[in-house]
C-alpha atoms as a PDB file:
ATOM      1  CA  THR A   1       0.000   0.000   0.000  1.00  0.00           C
ATOM      2  CA  VAL A   2       2.792   2.416   0.902  1.00  0.00           C
ATOM      3  CA  ALA A   3       4.601   1.641  -2.355  1.00  0.00           C
ATOM      4  CA  ALA A   4       1.416   2.199  -4.359  1.00  0.00           C
ATOM      5  CA  LEU A   5       0.932   5.595  -2.706  1.00  0.00           C
ATOM      6  CA  LEU A   6       4.541   6.690  -3.205  1.00  0.00           C
ATOM      7  CA  LEU A   7       4.610   5.556  -6.842  1.00  0.00           C
ATOM      8  CA  ARG A   8       1.115   6.640  -7.888  1.00  0.00           C
ATOM      9  CA  GLY A   9       1.026   7.955 -11.425  1.00  0.00           C
ATOM     10  CA  ARG A  10       4.193   6.098 -12.421  1.00  0.00           C
ATOM     11  CA  ASP A  11       4.543   3.250 -14.886  1.00  0.00           C
ATOM     12  CA  PRO A  12       2.365   0.295 -13.778  1.00  0.00           C
ATOM     13  CA  LYS A  13       5.374  -2.041 -13.855  1.00  0.00           C
ATOM     14  CA  ALA A  14       7.277   0.300 -11.524  1.00  0.00           C
ATOM     15  CA  VAL A  15       4.287   0.353  -9.167  1.00  0.00           C
ATOM     16  CA  GLN A  16       4.128  -3.450  -9.177  1.00  0.00           C
ATOM     17  CA  LEU A  17       7.833  -3.737  -8.441  1.00  0.00           C
ATOM     18  CA  GLY A  18       7.549  -1.197  -5.637  1.00  0.00           C
ATOM     19  CA  MET A  19       4.670  -3.126  -4.085  1.00  0.00           C
ATOM     20  CA  LEU A  20       6.694  -6.344  -4.352  1.00  0.00           C
ATOM     21  CA  LEU A  21       9.688  -4.760  -2.616  1.00  0.00           C
ATOM     22  CA  GLY A  22       7.541  -3.265   0.117  1.00  0.00           C
ATOM     23  CA  GLY A  23       5.828  -6.593   0.692  1.00  0.00           C
ATOM     24  CA  ALA A  24       9.171  -8.404   0.795  1.00  0.00           C
ATOM     25  CA  ALA A  25      10.548  -5.991   3.381  1.00  0.00           C
ATOM     26  CA  ALA A  26       7.435  -6.436   5.529  1.00  0.00           C
ATOM     27  CA  ILE A  27       7.579 -10.236   5.301  1.00  0.00           C
ATOM     28  CA  GLY A  28      11.276 -10.189   6.215  1.00  0.00           C
ATOM     29  CA  LEU A  29      10.453  -8.083   9.259  1.00  0.00           C
ATOM     30  CA  ILE A  30       7.825 -10.597  10.364  1.00  0.00           C
ATOM     31  CA  PHE A  31      10.195 -13.530   9.945  1.00  0.00           C
ATOM     32  CA  GLY A  32      12.928 -11.640  11.763  1.00  0.00           C
ATOM     33  CA  ASN A  33      15.473 -13.068   9.335  1.00  0.00           C
ATOM     34  CA  PRO A  34      16.111 -11.730   5.817  1.00  0.00           C
ATOM     35  CA  PHE A  35      17.587 -14.959   4.497  1.00  0.00           C
ATOM     36  CA  ILE A  36      14.570 -17.199   5.019  1.00  0.00           C
ATOM     37  CA  THR A  37      12.510 -14.596   3.140  1.00  0.00           C
ATOM     38  CA  ALA A  38      15.133 -14.362   0.383  1.00  0.00           C
ATOM     39  CA  PHE A  39      15.046 -18.134   0.066  1.00  0.00           C
ATOM     40  CA  MET A  40      11.281 -18.006  -0.279  1.00  0.00           C
ATOM     41  CA  PHE A  41      11.476 -15.451  -3.098  1.00  0.00           C
ATOM     42  CA  LEU A  42      14.162 -17.505  -4.819  1.00  0.00           C
ATOM     43  CA  GLU A  43      11.730 -20.406  -4.783  1.00  0.00           C
ATOM     44  CA  PHE A  44       9.007 -18.140  -6.152  1.00  0.00           C
ATOM     45  CA  ALA A  45      11.322 -17.189  -9.025  1.00  0.00           C
ATOM     46  CA  ALA A  46      12.168 -20.844  -9.682  1.00  0.00           C
ATOM     47  CA  MET A  47       8.447 -21.594  -9.913  1.00  0.00           C
ATOM     48  CA  GLY A  48       7.921 -18.699 -12.318  1.00  0.00           C
ATOM     49  CA  VAL A  49       5.685 -16.793  -9.901  1.00  0.00           C
ATOM     50  CA  MET A  50       7.949 -13.725  -9.954  1.00  0.00           C
ATOM     51  CA  PRO A  51      10.533 -12.510 -12.515  1.00  0.00           C
ATOM     52  CA  ALA A  52      14.167 -13.304 -11.790  1.00  0.00           C
ATOM     53  CA  VAL A  53      15.110  -9.693 -12.566  1.00  0.00           C
ATOM     54  CA  ALA A  54      13.337  -8.631  -9.370  1.00  0.00           C
ATOM     55  CA  LEU A  55      15.498 -10.826  -7.114  1.00  0.00           C
ATOM     56  CA  VAL A  56      18.368  -8.380  -6.511  1.00  0.00           C
ATOM     57  CA  PRO A  57      16.070  -5.415  -5.695  1.00  0.00           C
ATOM     58  CA  THR A  58      14.136  -7.746  -3.400  1.00  0.00           C
ATOM     59  CA  PHE A  59      17.360  -8.747  -1.643  1.00  0.00           C
ATOM     60  CA  VAL A  60      18.193  -5.067  -1.095  1.00  0.00           C
ATOM     61  CA  ALA A  61      14.688  -4.475   0.274  1.00  0.00           C
ATOM     62  CA  LEU A  62      15.140  -7.364   2.716  1.00  0.00           C
ATOM     63  CA  GLY A  63      18.421  -5.916   3.956  1.00  0.00           C
ATOM     64  CA  THR A  64      16.825  -2.505   4.405  1.00  0.00           C
ATOM     65  CA  GLY A  65      13.894  -4.016   6.275  1.00  0.00           C
ATOM     66  CA  TYR A  66      16.264  -5.861   8.599  1.00  0.00           C
ATOM     67  CA  LEU A  67      18.027  -2.601   9.405  1.00  0.00           C
ATOM     68  CA  VAL A  68      14.660  -1.237  10.496  1.00  0.00           C
ATOM     69  CA  GLN A  69      14.478  -4.161  12.905  1.00  0.00           C
ATOM     70  CA  VAL A  70      18.001  -4.076  14.370  1.00  0.00           C
ATOM     71  CA  GLY A  71      18.638  -0.336  14.049  1.00  0.00           C
ATOM     72  CA  VAL A  72      21.490   1.811  12.777  1.00  0.00           C
ATOM     73  CA  GLY A  73      23.907   3.829  14.902  1.00  0.00           C
ATOM     74  CA  GLN A  74      22.162   5.399  17.887  1.00  0.00           C
ATOM     75  CA  TRP A  75      18.761   4.210  16.745  1.00  0.00           C
ATOM     76  CA  SER A  76      17.949   0.828  18.297  1.00  0.00           C
ATOM     77  CA  GLY A  77      15.390  -0.174  15.680  1.00  0.00           C
ATOM     78  CA  LEU A  78      11.977  -1.696  16.236  1.00  0.00           C
ATOM     79  CA  ALA A  79      13.309  -4.782  18.062  1.00  0.00           C
ATOM     80  CA  MET A  80      10.875  -7.239  16.500  1.00  0.00           C
ATOM     81  CA  HIS A  81      10.676 -10.805  17.791  1.00  0.00           C
ATOM     82  CA  THR A  82      12.960 -13.501  16.429  1.00  0.00           C
ATOM     83  CA  LEU A  83      11.298 -16.539  14.930  1.00  0.00           C
ATOM     84  CA  SER A  84      12.771 -19.273  17.087  1.00  0.00           C
ATOM     85  CA  VAL A  85      11.885 -21.582  19.953  1.00  0.00           C
ATOM     86  CA  PRO A  86      14.638 -21.399  22.572  1.00  0.00           C
ATOM     87  CA  GLY A  87      15.543 -24.039  25.120  1.00  0.00           C
ATOM     88  CA  LEU A  88      14.998 -27.190  23.068  1.00  0.00           C
ATOM     89  CA  PRO A  89      17.052 -30.253  24.046  1.00  0.00           C
ATOM     90  CA  VAL A  90      20.058 -30.597  21.763  1.00  0.00           C
ATOM     91  CA  TYR A  91      19.737 -33.392  19.232  1.00  0.00           C
ATOM     92  CA  ASP A  92      23.123 -34.447  17.887  1.00  0.00           C
ATOM     93  CA  HIS A  93      22.828 -38.039  16.677  1.00  0.00           C
ATOM     94  CA  GLU A  94      20.364 -39.401  14.116  1.00  0.00           C
ATOM     95  CA  THR A  95      19.122 -42.961  14.512  1.00  0.00           C
ATOM     96  CA  LEU A  96      17.248 -45.156  12.058  1.00  0.00           C
ATOM     97  CA  ARG A  97      14.313 -45.381  14.442  1.00  0.00           C
ATOM     98  CA  ASP A  98      14.077 -41.607  14.721  1.00  0.00           C
ATOM     99  CA  LEU A  99      14.148 -41.251  10.926  1.00  0.00           C
ATOM    100  CA  VAL A 100      11.341 -43.790  10.485  1.00  0.00           C
ATOM    101  CA  VAL A 101       9.216 -42.228  13.219  1.00  0.00           C
ATOM    102  CA  GLY A 102       9.919 -38.776  11.795  1.00  0.00           C
ATOM    103  CA  LEU A 103       8.597 -39.998   8.442  1.00  0.00           C
ATOM    104  CA  VAL A 104       5.396 -41.254  10.093  1.00  0.00           C
ATOM    105  CA  ILE A 105       4.904 -37.976  11.965  1.00  0.00           C
ATOM    106  CA  ALA A 106       5.518 -36.030   8.746  1.00  0.00           C
ATOM    107  CA  ILE A 107       2.757 -38.038   7.050  1.00  0.00           C
ATOM    108  CA  ALA A 108       0.397 -37.345   9.953  1.00  0.00           C
ATOM    109  CA  ALA A 109       1.180 -33.620   9.849  1.00  0.00           C
ATOM    110  CA  GLY A 110       0.722 -33.547   6.077  1.00  0.00           C
ATOM    111  CA  ILE A 111      -2.665 -35.240   6.374  1.00  0.00           C
ATOM    112  CA  MET A 112      -3.751 -32.688   8.963  1.00  0.00           C
ATOM    113  CA  ALA A 113      -2.662 -29.848   6.670  1.00  0.00           C
ATOM    114  CA  VAL A 114      -4.589 -31.398   3.764  1.00  0.00           C
ATOM    115  CA  LEU A 115      -7.719 -31.625   5.935  1.00  0.00           C
ATOM    116  CA  VAL A 116      -7.358 -28.006   7.050  1.00  0.00           C
ATOM    117  CA  ARG A 117      -6.880 -26.821   3.476  1.00  0.00           C
ATOM    118  CA  GLU A 118      -9.792 -28.826   2.117  1.00  0.00           C
ATOM    119  CA  PHE A 119     -12.123 -27.671   4.892  1.00  0.00           C
ATOM    120  CA  GLY A 120     -11.028 -24.090   4.266  1.00  0.00           C
ATOM    121  CA  GLU A 121     -11.852 -24.520   0.572  1.00  0.00           C
ATOM    122  CA  ARG A 122     -15.337 -25.783   1.441  1.00  0.00           C
ATOM    123  CA  VAL A 123     -15.921 -22.828   3.755  1.00  0.00           C
ATOM    124  CA  SER A 124     -14.639 -20.456   1.057  1.00  0.00           C
ATOM    125  CA  ALA A 125     -17.114 -21.879  -1.482  1.00  0.00           C
ATOM    126  CA  LEU A 126     -19.912 -21.386   1.020  1.00  0.00           C
ATOM    127  CA  ALA A 127     -18.721 -17.849   1.787  1.00  0.00           C
ATOM    128  CA  ALA A 128     -18.959 -16.957  -1.897  1.00  0.00           C
ATOM    129  CA  ARG A 129     -22.731 -17.426  -1.607  1.00  0.00           C
ATOM    130  CA  TYR A 130     -23.367 -16.298   1.982  1.00  0.00           C
ATOM    131  CA  ARG A 131     -20.495 -13.985   2.792  1.00  0.00           C
ATOM    132  CA  VAL A 132     -21.869 -12.134   5.831  1.00  0.00           C
ATOM    133  CA  ALA A 133     -23.420 -15.220   7.405  1.00  0.00           C
ATOM    134  CA  VAL A 134     -20.249 -17.308   6.994  1.00  0.00           C
ATOM    135  CA  LEU A 135     -18.056 -14.460   8.260  1.00  0.00           C
ATOM    136  CA  ALA A 136     -20.183 -13.988  11.383  1.00  0.00           C
ATOM    137  CA  GLY A 137     -20.589 -17.713  11.918  1.00  0.00           C
ATOM    138  CA  SER A 138     -16.844 -18.312  11.626  1.00  0.00           C
ATOM    139  CA  ALA A 139     -16.151 -15.621  14.216  1.00  0.00           C
ATOM    140  CA  ILE A 140     -18.646 -17.153  16.640  1.00  0.00           C
ATOM    141  CA  VAL A 141     -17.281 -20.681  16.236  1.00  0.00           C
ATOM    142  CA  ILE A 142     -13.640 -19.572  16.602  1.00  0.00           C
ATOM    143  CA  ALA A 143     -14.416 -17.527  19.707  1.00  0.00           C
ATOM    144  CA  ALA A 144     -16.449 -20.366  21.201  1.00  0.00           C
ATOM    145  CA  ALA A 145     -13.635 -22.870  20.597  1.00  0.00           C
ATOM    146  CA  ALA A 146     -11.074 -20.585  22.236  1.00  0.00           C
ATOM    147  CA  ILE A 147     -13.285 -19.850  25.242  1.00  0.00           C
ATOM    148  CA  ALA A 148     -14.268 -23.489  25.714  1.00  0.00           C
ATOM    149  CA  LEU A 149     -10.674 -24.676  25.566  1.00  0.00           C
ATOM    150  CA  SER A 150      -9.535 -21.950  27.941  1.00  0.00           C
ATOM    151  CA  ALA A 151     -12.275 -22.755  30.455  1.00  0.00           C
ATOM    152  CA  GLY A 152     -12.047 -26.525  30.152  1.00  0.00           C
ATOM    153  CA  ARG A 153      -8.269 -27.022  30.075  1.00  0.00           C
ATOM    154  CA  ASP A 154      -7.010 -23.799  31.703  1.00  0.00           C
ATOM    155  CA  VAL A 155      -4.942 -22.611  28.742  1.00  0.00           C
ATOM    156  CA  SER A 156      -4.614 -19.182  27.185  1.00  0.00           C
ATOM    157  CA  VAL A 157      -6.964 -18.266  24.339  1.00  0.00           C
ATOM    158  CA  SER A 158      -3.842 -17.176  22.416  1.00  0.00           C
ATOM    159  CA  LEU A 159      -3.155 -20.858  21.734  1.00  0.00           C
ATOM    160  CA  VAL A 160      -6.237 -20.883  19.496  1.00  0.00           C
ATOM    161  CA  LEU A 161      -6.450 -17.269  18.353  1.00  0.00           C
ATOM    162  CA  PHE A 162      -3.826 -15.245  16.458  1.00  0.00           C
ATOM    163  CA  SER A 163      -1.165 -16.597  14.131  1.00  0.00           C
ATOM    164  CA  GLY A 164       0.679 -18.737  16.683  1.00  0.00           C
ATOM    165  CA  GLU A 165       4.363 -17.864  16.351  1.00  0.00           C
ATOM    166  CA  THR A 166       4.510 -16.241  19.810  1.00  0.00           C
ATOM    167  CA  ALA A 167       2.671 -19.139  21.466  1.00  0.00           C
ATOM    168  CA  MET A 168       5.029 -21.938  20.422  1.00  0.00           C
ATOM    169  CA  GLY A 169       6.891 -21.837  23.727  1.00  0.00           C
ATOM    170  CA  ALA A 170       3.643 -22.258  25.656  1.00  0.00           C
ATOM    171  CA  LEU A 171       2.659 -25.173  23.429  1.00  0.00           C
ATOM    172  CA  LEU A 172       5.992 -26.897  24.071  1.00  0.00           C
ATOM    173  CA  ALA A 173       5.501 -26.452  27.812  1.00  0.00           C
ATOM    174  CA  GLU A 174       2.215 -28.399  27.825  1.00  0.00           C
ATOM    175  CA  THR A 175       2.443 -31.754  29.613  1.00  0.00           C
ATOM    176  CA  SER A 176      -1.022 -33.175  28.903  1.00  0.00           C
ATOM    177  CA  ALA A 177      -1.497 -35.114  25.668  1.00  0.00           C
ATOM    178  CA  LEU A 178      -5.257 -34.489  25.764  1.00  0.00           C
ATOM    179  CA  THR A 179      -4.739 -30.747  26.136  1.00  0.00           C
ATOM    180  CA  VAL A 180      -2.326 -30.647  23.198  1.00  0.00           C
ATOM    181  CA  LEU A 181      -4.726 -32.709  21.069  1.00  0.00           C
ATOM    182  CA  LEU A 182      -7.566 -30.286  21.823  1.00  0.00           C
ATOM    183  CA  ILE A 183      -5.310 -27.307  21.064  1.00  0.00           C
ATOM    184  CA  VAL A 184      -4.336 -28.789  17.687  1.00  0.00           C
ATOM    185  CA  LEU A 185      -7.956 -29.531  16.786  1.00  0.00           C
ATOM    186  CA  ALA A 186      -9.182 -26.099  17.900  1.00  0.00           C
ATOM    187  CA  LYS A 187      -6.340 -24.323  16.093  1.00  0.00           C
ATOM    188  CA  SER A 188      -6.987 -26.330  12.929  1.00  0.00           C
ATOM    189  CA  LEU A 189     -10.688 -25.473  13.058  1.00  0.00           C
ATOM    190  CA  ALA A 190      -9.941 -21.785  13.659  1.00  0.00           C
ATOM    191  CA  TYR A 191      -7.382 -21.707  10.844  1.00  0.00           C
ATOM    192  CA  ALA A 192      -9.677 -23.390   8.311  1.00  0.00           C
ATOM    193  CA  LEU A 193     -12.577 -21.097   9.202  1.00  0.00           C
ATOM    194  CA  SER A 194     -10.314 -18.058   9.012  1.00  0.00           C
ATOM    195  CA  ILE A 195      -8.876 -18.742   5.577  1.00  0.00           C
ATOM    196  CA  GLY A 196     -12.259 -19.795   4.219  1.00  0.00           C
ATOM    197  CA  GLY A 197     -14.612 -17.470   6.055  1.00  0.00           C
ATOM    198  CA  GLY A 198     -12.833 -14.216   5.307  1.00  0.00           C
ATOM    199  CA  PHE A 199     -10.444 -13.616   8.210  1.00  0.00           C
ATOM    200  CA  ARG A 200      -7.474 -13.889   5.914  1.00  0.00           C
ATOM    201  CA  GLY A 201      -3.969 -13.502   7.258  1.00  0.00           C
ATOM    202  CA  GLY A 202      -0.617 -15.102   6.644  1.00  0.00           C
ATOM    203  CA  PRO A 203      -0.739 -18.800   5.735  1.00  0.00           C
ATOM    204  CA  ILE A 204       2.588 -19.711   7.336  1.00  0.00           C
ATOM    205  CA  PHE A 205       2.595 -19.367  11.110  1.00  0.00           C
ATOM    206  CA  PRO A 206      -0.723 -21.071  11.949  1.00  0.00           C
ATOM    207  CA  ILE A 207       0.261 -24.186  10.032  1.00  0.00           C
ATOM    208  CA  THR A 208       3.721 -24.260  11.648  1.00  0.00           C
ATOM    209  CA  PHE A 209       1.978 -24.059  15.028  1.00  0.00           C
ATOM    210  CA  ILE A 210      -0.249 -26.981  14.087  1.00  0.00           C
ATOM    211  CA  GLY A 211       2.778 -28.956  12.884  1.00  0.00           C
ATOM    212  CA  LEU A 212       4.568 -28.275  16.145  1.00  0.00           C
ATOM    213  CA  GLY A 213       1.470 -29.365  18.060  1.00  0.00           C
ATOM    214  CA  ILE A 214       1.407 -32.726  16.284  1.00  0.00           C
ATOM    215  CA  ALA A 215       5.065 -33.270  17.175  1.00  0.00           C
ATOM    216  CA  VAL A 216       4.482 -32.291  20.822  1.00  0.00           C
ATOM    217  CA  LEU A 217       1.521 -34.669  20.985  1.00  0.00           C
ATOM    218  CA  SER A 218       3.677 -37.486  19.584  1.00  0.00           C
ATOM    219  CA  THR A 219       6.419 -36.954  22.152  1.00  0.00           C
ATOM    220  CA  LEU A 220       3.881 -36.888  24.986  1.00  0.00           C
ATOM    221  CA  LEU A 221       2.386 -40.183  23.835  1.00  0.00           C
ATOM    222  CA  PHE A 222       5.831 -41.746  23.278  1.00  0.00           C
ATOM    223  CA  THR A 223       8.049 -40.102  25.857  1.00  0.00           C
ATOM    224  CA  ASP A 224      11.337 -41.445  24.491  1.00  0.00           C
ATOM    225  CA  LEU A 225      10.981 -39.529  21.223  1.00  0.00           C
ATOM    226  CA  PRO A 226      13.171 -36.402  20.839  1.00  0.00           C
ATOM    227  CA  ILE A 227      11.098 -33.273  20.235  1.00  0.00           C
ATOM    228  CA  GLY A 228      13.551 -31.409  17.962  1.00  0.00           C
ATOM    229  CA  PRO A 229      13.709 -33.765  14.957  1.00  0.00           C
ATOM    230  CA  MET A 230      10.050 -34.777  15.238  1.00  0.00           C
ATOM    231  CA  ALA A 231       9.007 -31.137  15.221  1.00  0.00           C
ATOM    232  CA  ALA A 232      11.265 -30.410  12.244  1.00  0.00           C
ATOM    233  CA  ALA A 233       9.656 -33.185  10.179  1.00  0.00           C
ATOM    234  CA  SER A 234       6.143 -32.199  11.231  1.00  0.00           C
ATOM    235  CA  ILE A 235       6.494 -28.449  10.645  1.00  0.00           C
ATOM    236  CA  ALA A 236       8.194 -28.896   7.262  1.00  0.00           C
ATOM    237  CA  ALA A 237       5.527 -31.340   6.048  1.00  0.00           C
ATOM    238  CA  ALA A 238       2.568 -29.229   7.165  1.00  0.00           C
ATOM    239  CA  ALA A 239       4.037 -25.992   5.807  1.00  0.00           C
ATOM    240  CA  THR A 240       4.874 -27.565   2.443  1.00  0.00           C
ATOM    241  CA  VAL A 241       1.330 -28.852   1.992  1.00  0.00           C
ATOM    242  CA  MET A 242      -0.036 -25.387   2.656  1.00  0.00           C
ATOM    243  CA  LEU A 243       2.599 -23.321   0.790  1.00  0.00           C
ATOM    244  CA  ARG A 244       3.864 -25.700  -1.917  1.00  0.00           C
ATOM    245  CA  LEU A 245       7.388 -24.428  -1.119  1.00  0.00           C
ATOM    246  CA  PRO A 246       9.436 -27.430   0.092  1.00  0.00           C
ATOM    247  CA  PHE A 247      12.835 -25.703   0.324  1.00  0.00           C
ATOM    248  CA  THR A 248      11.483 -22.711   2.212  1.00  0.00           C
ATOM    249  CA  SER A 249       9.428 -24.932   4.517  1.00  0.00           C
ATOM    250  CA  ALA A 250      12.431 -27.094   5.417  1.00  0.00           C
ATOM    251  CA  LEU A 251      14.593 -24.036   6.068  1.00  0.00           C
ATOM    252  CA  LEU A 252      11.804 -22.483   8.139  1.00  0.00           C
ATOM    253  CA  ALA A 253      11.594 -25.583  10.332  1.00  0.00           C
ATOM    254  CA  VAL A 254      15.355 -25.566  10.923  1.00  0.00           C
ATOM    255  CA  LEU A 255      15.273 -21.842  11.693  1.00  0.00           C
ATOM    256  CA  ILE A 256      12.450 -22.161  14.220  1.00  0.00           C
ATOM    257  CA  LEU A 257      14.049 -25.160  15.935  1.00  0.00           C
ATOM    258  CA  GLY A 258      17.677 -24.098  15.570  1.00  0.00           C
ATOM    259  CA  SER A 259      18.375 -24.389  19.291  1.00  0.00           C
ATOM    260  CA  ALA A 260      18.082 -28.194  18.907  1.00  0.00           C
ATOM    261  CA  GLY A 261      21.123 -28.271  16.589  1.00  0.00           C
ATOM    262  CA  MET A 262      21.688 -28.863  12.897  1.00  0.00           C
ATOM    263  CA  ALA A 263      21.188 -32.627  13.182  1.00  0.00           C
ATOM    264  CA  ILE A 264      17.468 -31.956  12.760  1.00  0.00           C
ATOM    265  CA  ALA A 265      18.059 -30.858   9.140  1.00  0.00           C
ATOM    266  CA  PRO A 266      17.525 -34.335   7.587  1.00  0.00           C
ATOM    267  CA  PHE A 267      14.173 -34.556   9.354  1.00  0.00           C
ATOM    268  CA  ALA A 268      13.111 -31.179   7.951  1.00  0.00           C
ATOM    269  CA  ILE A 269      14.055 -32.389   4.465  1.00  0.00           C
ATOM    270  CA  ILE A 270      12.088 -35.617   4.938  1.00  0.00           C
ATOM    271  CA  GLY A 271       9.071 -33.633   6.069  1.00  0.00           C
ATOM    272  CA  ALA A 272       9.318 -31.202   3.147  1.00  0.00           C
ATOM    273  CA  VAL A 273       9.551 -34.027   0.606  1.00  0.00           C
ATOM    274  CA  VAL A 274       6.569 -35.824   2.155  1.00  0.00           C
ATOM    275  CA  GLY A 275       4.556 -32.615   2.200  1.00  0.00           C
ATOM    276  CA  PHE A 276       5.454 -31.797  -1.393  1.00  0.00           C
ATOM    277  CA  GLY A 277       4.335 -35.227  -2.568  1.00  0.00           C
ATOM    278  CA  MET A 278       1.037 -34.776  -0.766  1.00  0.00           C
ATOM    279  CA  ARG A 279       0.544 -31.296  -2.221  1.00  0.00           C
ATOM    280  CA  GLN A 280       1.288 -32.537  -5.735  1.00  0.00           C
ATOM    281  CA  ALA A 281      -1.293 -35.300  -5.328  1.00  0.00           C
ATOM    282  CA  LEU A 282      -3.796 -32.819  -3.903  1.00  0.00           C
ATOM    283  CA  ASP A 283      -3.282 -30.402  -6.803  1.00  0.00           C
ATOM    284  CA  LYS A 284      -3.860 -33.212  -9.324  1.00  0.00           C
ATOM    285  CA  PHE A 285      -7.012 -34.217  -7.487  1.00  0.00           C
ATOM    286  CA  ASP A 286      -8.238 -30.606  -7.511  1.00  0.00           C
ATOM    287  CA  ALA A 287      -7.547 -30.348 -11.241  1.00  0.00           C
ATOM    288  CA  ARG A 288      -9.523 -33.528 -11.964  1.00  0.00           C
ATOM    289  CA  ARG A 289     -12.346 -32.348  -9.725  1.00  0.00           C
ATOM    290  CA  ALA A 290     -12.484 -28.990 -11.498  1.00  0.00           C
ATOM    291  CA  ALA A 291     -12.470 -30.663 -14.931  1.00  0.00           C
ATOM    292  CA  ALA A 292     -15.300 -32.954 -13.879  1.00  0.00           C
ATOM    293  CA  ALA A 293     -17.322 -30.014 -12.588  1.00  0.00           C
ATOM    294  CA  GLU A 294     -17.044 -27.994 -15.836  1.00  0.00           C
ATOM    295  CA  PRO A 295     -19.614 -29.992 -17.886  1.00  0.00           C
ATOM    296  CA  ALA A 296     -22.103 -29.836 -15.013  1.00  0.00           C
ATOM    297  CA  THR A 297     -21.586 -26.075 -14.710  1.00  0.00           C
ATOM    298  CA  ALA A 298     -22.036 -25.616 -18.453  1.00  0.00           C
END
């Protein structure tokens, strides 16, 4: 919006580039790390979503946005949060069992992401016909889920509401498997209703929260499982299903869980590959469903 205002009356291509750079700087500020955002835009360029010629200006915009966060000289900057979960147990030795279990958890997280996305699509189709009713109904259901969970399990409503990146520490601190299961279900319901009902926000952080919740639930049910690698596989799989960006999703998982050590990287890659396979299958299914619906529509 700021770029459109500053460049109003200029060449439309210049306005589009300015809006892209402004959006990139804002996204980098939210991530708290310019390189994960740069990696995401590199993947966009590889997919053909954005022109490669815009990559260098985007990189400059990310660096400028990061200076706004950390400050220059006497100015201390805005001091935004860093996207990481501190205090995780260090994981420094992969085992075959952990890799197999990580694969299973990645599949479970990918399935949950598929269900959230499909439910969101159904709500979106309904909202196209009854926009106000679906918007109001979604708000009521989300609020009711948050209040019920808070009253019944004595947890903060922030574990259901909002995007979730600031509540990951609280989710990791939960010790009840039932509570974590209810949080994951309530968050998934709230996320699907939000993206379908009209409360649109970023698609990244809620799904990473849900992926983390599935990993936490797994380690509470099987107490000998290490949380770091399981969370890396789960987050990467869920994020890839939702974003269709496997490289960015794997890097995001490693960034969030960096305090566990770099040995979690293979698990993030496994999760991203699993999630990408699921998203490819889902896209093919959507294409066939749309083709089958065309004759009926005609």
